[in-house]
Amino acid sequence: MRVVVEKSVGGRVLSVQDNGPGVPADELPRLLERFYRGSSHAAEGSGLGLTIVGRIAELHGASLHLANQPSGGLAVSLQGLRAAGG
């Protein structure tokens, strides 16, 4: 697991990256849908976590993005984060 915070033109980017197998490309956009759990849903859950995170990001003027990494694993990024007070 790796956590990265970077500055970008649109604000800060917080990215959490793992070193697992990644997610099938056709499932990536669906992971943000309410109640969708993906094809490897061995863990318990309701499929709401990423939907909630995405909505909270929107309320703060940021956006949530998911991407498979070229070296393997998934990166979940919050983009457009602003520093407290501006």
N, C-alpha and C. Protein backbone atom coordinates (compact mmCIF):
# COMPACT_ATOMS: atom_id res chain seq x y z
N MET A 1 0.85 -1.16 0.00
CA MET A 1 0.00 0.00 0.00
C MET A 1 0.89 1.23 0.00
N ARG A 2 0.52 2.19 -0.80
CA ARG A 2 1.29 3.43 -0.91
C ARG A 2 0.31 4.59 -0.93
N VAL A 3 0.60 5.64 -0.16
CA VAL A 3 -0.22 6.85 -0.13
C VAL A 3 0.65 8.00 -0.61
N VAL A 4 0.14 8.75 -1.60
CA VAL A 4 0.90 9.85 -2.20
C VAL A 4 0.04 11.10 -2.19
N VAL A 5 0.63 12.24 -1.81
CA VAL A 5 -0.03 13.54 -1.92
C VAL A 5 0.85 14.40 -2.80
N GLU A 6 0.25 14.96 -3.86
CA GLU A 6 1.00 15.79 -4.80
C GLU A 6 0.24 17.09 -5.06
N LYS A 7 0.97 18.13 -5.43
CA LYS A 7 0.35 19.37 -5.87
C LYS A 7 0.17 19.29 -7.37
N SER A 8 -0.96 19.82 -7.85
CA SER A 8 -1.19 19.91 -9.29
C SER A 8 -1.82 21.26 -9.58
N VAL A 9 -2.00 21.57 -10.84
CA VAL A 9 -2.59 22.85 -11.23
C VAL A 9 -3.98 23.01 -10.62
N GLY A 10 -4.77 21.95 -10.58
CA GLY A 10 -6.13 22.01 -10.08
C GLY A 10 -6.28 21.80 -8.59
N GLY A 11 -5.20 21.77 -7.84
CA GLY A 11 -5.25 21.52 -6.40
C GLY A 11 -4.39 20.32 -6.06
N ARG A 12 -4.58 19.80 -4.88
CA ARG A 12 -3.79 18.65 -4.45
C ARG A 12 -4.46 17.34 -4.90
N VAL A 13 -3.63 16.32 -5.03
CA VAL A 13 -4.11 14.98 -5.39
C VAL A 13 -3.67 14.03 -4.29
N LEU A 14 -4.63 13.31 -3.71
CA LEU A 14 -4.35 12.27 -2.72
C LEU A 14 -4.62 10.94 -3.41
N SER A 15 -3.61 10.10 -3.47
CA SER A 15 -3.73 8.83 -4.17
C SER A 15 -3.33 7.68 -3.24
N VAL A 16 -4.17 6.66 -3.20
CA VAL A 16 -3.88 5.44 -2.45
C VAL A 16 -3.72 4.33 -3.48
N GLN A 17 -2.56 3.70 -3.46
CA GLN A 17 -2.24 2.68 -4.46
C GLN A 17 -1.91 1.36 -3.78
N ASP A 18 -2.45 0.27 -4.34
CA ASP A 18 -2.09 -1.04 -3.79
C ASP A 18 -1.26 -1.80 -4.82
N ASN A 19 -0.82 -2.98 -4.46
CA ASN A 19 -0.01 -3.78 -5.38
C ASN A 19 -0.69 -5.09 -5.72
N GLY A 20 -2.02 -5.09 -5.67
CA GLY A 20 -2.80 -6.28 -6.01
C GLY A 20 -2.90 -6.48 -7.51
N PRO A 21 -3.84 -7.30 -7.95
CA PRO A 21 -3.97 -7.61 -9.37
C PRO A 21 -4.66 -6.52 -10.19
N GLY A 22 -5.18 -5.49 -9.54
CA GLY A 22 -5.93 -4.47 -10.26
C GLY A 22 -7.38 -4.90 -10.43
N VAL A 23 -8.09 -4.19 -11.28
CA VAL A 23 -9.51 -4.43 -11.52
C VAL A 23 -9.71 -4.57 -13.02
N PRO A 24 -10.53 -5.52 -13.48
CA PRO A 24 -10.79 -5.61 -14.92
C PRO A 24 -11.23 -4.24 -15.46
N ALA A 25 -10.68 -3.84 -16.60
CA ALA A 25 -10.92 -2.49 -17.15
C ALA A 25 -12.40 -2.18 -17.32
N ASP A 26 -13.21 -3.17 -17.71
CA ASP A 26 -14.63 -2.91 -17.91
C ASP A 26 -15.38 -2.68 -16.60
N GLU A 27 -14.78 -3.05 -15.48
CA GLU A 27 -15.43 -2.85 -14.18
C GLU A 27 -15.06 -1.52 -13.52
N LEU A 28 -13.96 -0.90 -13.94
CA LEU A 28 -13.50 0.33 -13.27
C LEU A 28 -14.60 1.38 -13.15
N PRO A 29 -15.28 1.77 -14.24
CA PRO A 29 -16.30 2.81 -14.10
C PRO A 29 -17.48 2.38 -13.23
N ARG A 30 -17.78 1.09 -13.23
CA ARG A 30 -18.92 0.59 -12.46
C ARG A 30 -18.66 0.58 -10.96
N LEU A 31 -17.39 0.58 -10.54
CA LEU A 31 -17.08 0.55 -9.11
C LEU A 31 -17.59 1.79 -8.38
N LEU A 32 -17.88 2.85 -9.12
CA LEU A 32 -18.42 4.06 -8.51
C LEU A 32 -19.95 4.06 -8.47
N GLU A 33 -20.57 3.01 -9.03
CA GLU A 33 -22.03 2.90 -9.00
C GLU A 33 -22.50 2.35 -7.65
N ARG A 34 -23.61 2.87 -7.20
CA ARG A 34 -24.18 2.42 -5.94
C ARG A 34 -24.51 0.92 -6.01
N PHE A 35 -24.11 0.18 -5.00
CA PHE A 35 -24.37 -1.24 -4.81
C PHE A 35 -23.58 -2.18 -5.73
N TYR A 36 -22.74 -1.65 -6.61
CA TYR A 36 -21.93 -2.52 -7.47
C TYR A 36 -20.72 -3.02 -6.68
N ARG A 37 -20.45 -4.32 -6.74
CA ARG A 37 -19.37 -4.89 -5.94
C ARG A 37 -18.26 -5.53 -6.75
N GLY A 38 -18.36 -5.60 -8.04
CA GLY A 38 -17.28 -6.18 -8.84
C GLY A 38 -17.33 -7.70 -8.87
N SER A 39 -16.55 -8.27 -9.75
CA SER A 39 -16.58 -9.73 -9.94
C SER A 39 -15.83 -10.49 -8.85
N SER A 40 -14.93 -9.84 -8.16
CA SER A 40 -14.19 -10.53 -7.09
C SER A 40 -14.61 -9.99 -5.73
N HIS A 41 -15.89 -10.13 -5.43
CA HIS A 41 -16.44 -9.57 -4.19
C HIS A 41 -16.44 -10.59 -3.06
N ALA A 42 -15.29 -11.17 -2.79
CA ALA A 42 -15.17 -12.14 -1.70
C ALA A 42 -15.39 -11.48 -0.34
N ALA A 43 -14.97 -10.24 -0.21
CA ALA A 43 -15.14 -9.52 1.06
C ALA A 43 -16.60 -9.07 1.20
N GLU A 44 -17.05 -9.02 2.44
CA GLU A 44 -18.41 -8.55 2.68
C GLU A 44 -18.49 -7.06 2.46
N GLY A 45 -19.67 -6.59 2.12
CA GLY A 45 -19.89 -5.17 1.92
C GLY A 45 -21.17 -4.96 1.14
N SER A 46 -21.57 -3.70 1.03
CA SER A 46 -22.81 -3.39 0.34
C SER A 46 -22.58 -2.70 -1.00
N GLY A 47 -21.33 -2.36 -1.32
CA GLY A 47 -21.06 -1.68 -2.57
C GLY A 47 -21.36 -0.19 -2.51
N LEU A 48 -21.29 0.39 -1.32
CA LEU A 48 -21.58 1.82 -1.17
C LEU A 48 -20.35 2.67 -0.88
N GLY A 49 -19.26 2.07 -0.45
CA GLY A 49 -18.10 2.84 0.03
C GLY A 49 -17.56 3.85 -0.96
N LEU A 50 -17.24 3.41 -2.19
CA LEU A 50 -16.67 4.33 -3.17
C LEU A 50 -17.70 5.36 -3.63
N THR A 51 -18.98 4.98 -3.66
CA THR A 51 -20.03 5.93 -4.01
C THR A 51 -20.08 7.05 -2.98
N ILE A 52 -19.99 6.71 -1.72
CA ILE A 52 -20.01 7.71 -0.64
C ILE A 52 -18.78 8.60 -0.72
N VAL A 53 -17.61 8.01 -0.92
CA VAL A 53 -16.37 8.80 -1.03
C VAL A 53 -16.47 9.76 -2.22
N GLY A 54 -16.99 9.28 -3.35
CA GLY A 54 -17.14 10.13 -4.53
C GLY A 54 -18.05 11.31 -4.28
N ARG A 55 -19.14 11.07 -3.57
CA ARG A 55 -20.09 12.16 -3.27
C ARG A 55 -19.47 13.17 -2.31
N ILE A 56 -18.77 12.70 -1.30
CA ILE A 56 -18.09 13.62 -0.36
C ILE A 56 -17.05 14.45 -1.12
N ALA A 57 -16.32 13.82 -2.03
CA ALA A 57 -15.34 14.56 -2.84
C ALA A 57 -16.04 15.67 -3.63
N GLU A 58 -17.17 15.34 -4.27
CA GLU A 58 -17.93 16.35 -5.03
C GLU A 58 -18.33 17.52 -4.15
N LEU A 59 -18.80 17.23 -2.95
CA LEU A 59 -19.24 18.29 -2.03
C LEU A 59 -18.10 19.22 -1.64
N HIS A 60 -16.87 18.73 -1.77
CA HIS A 60 -15.69 19.53 -1.45
C HIS A 60 -14.99 20.06 -2.70
N GLY A 61 -15.66 19.96 -3.85
CA GLY A 61 -15.10 20.48 -5.09
C GLY A 61 -14.00 19.62 -5.69
N ALA A 62 -13.92 18.37 -5.28
CA ALA A 62 -12.90 17.45 -5.79
C ALA A 62 -13.59 16.34 -6.58
N SER A 63 -12.81 15.43 -7.12
CA SER A 63 -13.36 14.30 -7.86
C SER A 63 -12.58 13.03 -7.53
N LEU A 64 -13.26 11.91 -7.66
CA LEU A 64 -12.67 10.60 -7.36
C LEU A 64 -12.38 9.87 -8.67
N HIS A 65 -11.18 9.31 -8.79
CA HIS A 65 -10.78 8.59 -10.00
C HIS A 65 -10.16 7.25 -9.62
N LEU A 66 -10.43 6.24 -10.43
CA LEU A 66 -9.86 4.90 -10.25
C LEU A 66 -9.06 4.55 -11.50
N ALA A 67 -7.89 3.96 -11.31
CA ALA A 67 -7.08 3.56 -12.46
C ALA A 67 -6.18 2.39 -12.08
N ASN A 68 -6.06 1.44 -13.00
CA ASN A 68 -5.07 0.38 -12.84
C ASN A 68 -3.69 0.96 -13.12
N GLN A 69 -2.72 0.55 -12.34
CA GLN A 69 -1.35 1.03 -12.50
C GLN A 69 -0.60 0.15 -13.51
N PRO A 70 0.27 0.74 -14.33
CA PRO A 70 1.04 -0.05 -15.30
C PRO A 70 1.85 -1.17 -14.64
N SER A 71 2.32 -0.93 -13.43
CA SER A 71 3.13 -1.93 -12.72
C SER A 71 2.27 -2.92 -11.93
N GLY A 72 0.95 -2.78 -12.00
CA GLY A 72 0.02 -3.63 -11.27
C GLY A 72 -0.60 -2.90 -10.11
N GLY A 73 -1.77 -3.31 -9.72
CA GLY A 73 -2.46 -2.68 -8.61
C GLY A 73 -3.42 -1.59 -9.06
N LEU A 74 -4.19 -1.11 -8.12
CA LEU A 74 -5.21 -0.09 -8.36
C LEU A 74 -4.81 1.19 -7.64
N ALA A 75 -5.07 2.32 -8.26
CA ALA A 75 -4.88 3.62 -7.62
C ALA A 75 -6.24 4.29 -7.51
N VAL A 76 -6.58 4.74 -6.32
CA VAL A 76 -7.79 5.50 -6.06
C VAL A 76 -7.34 6.91 -5.71
N SER A 77 -7.75 7.89 -6.51
CA SER A 77 -7.25 9.25 -6.34
C SER A 77 -8.37 10.25 -6.12
N LEU A 78 -8.16 11.15 -5.17
CA LEU A 78 -9.01 12.32 -4.99
C LEU A 78 -8.27 13.49 -5.62
N GLN A 79 -8.86 14.10 -6.63
CA GLN A 79 -8.20 15.18 -7.36
C GLN A 79 -8.93 16.49 -7.14
N GLY A 80 -8.16 17.57 -7.06
CA GLY A 80 -8.75 18.90 -6.89
C GLY A 80 -8.96 19.29 -5.45
N LEU A 81 -8.24 18.66 -4.53
CA LEU A 81 -8.37 19.00 -3.11
C LEU A 81 -7.74 20.36 -2.84
N ARG A 82 -8.38 21.14 -2.01
CA ARG A 82 -7.88 22.46 -1.63
C ARG A 82 -7.37 22.42 -0.20
N ALA A 83 -6.36 23.22 0.08
CA ALA A 83 -5.84 23.33 1.44
C ALA A 83 -6.88 24.02 2.32
N ALA A 84 -6.90 23.70 3.59
CA ALA A 84 -7.82 24.35 4.53
C ALA A 84 -7.59 25.85 4.50
N GLY A 85 -8.68 26.60 4.47
CA GLY A 85 -8.57 28.06 4.46
C GLY A 85 -8.28 28.63 3.09
N GLY A 86 -8.36 27.83 2.04
CA GLY A 86 -8.15 28.38 0.70
C GLY A 86 -7.48 27.45 -0.15
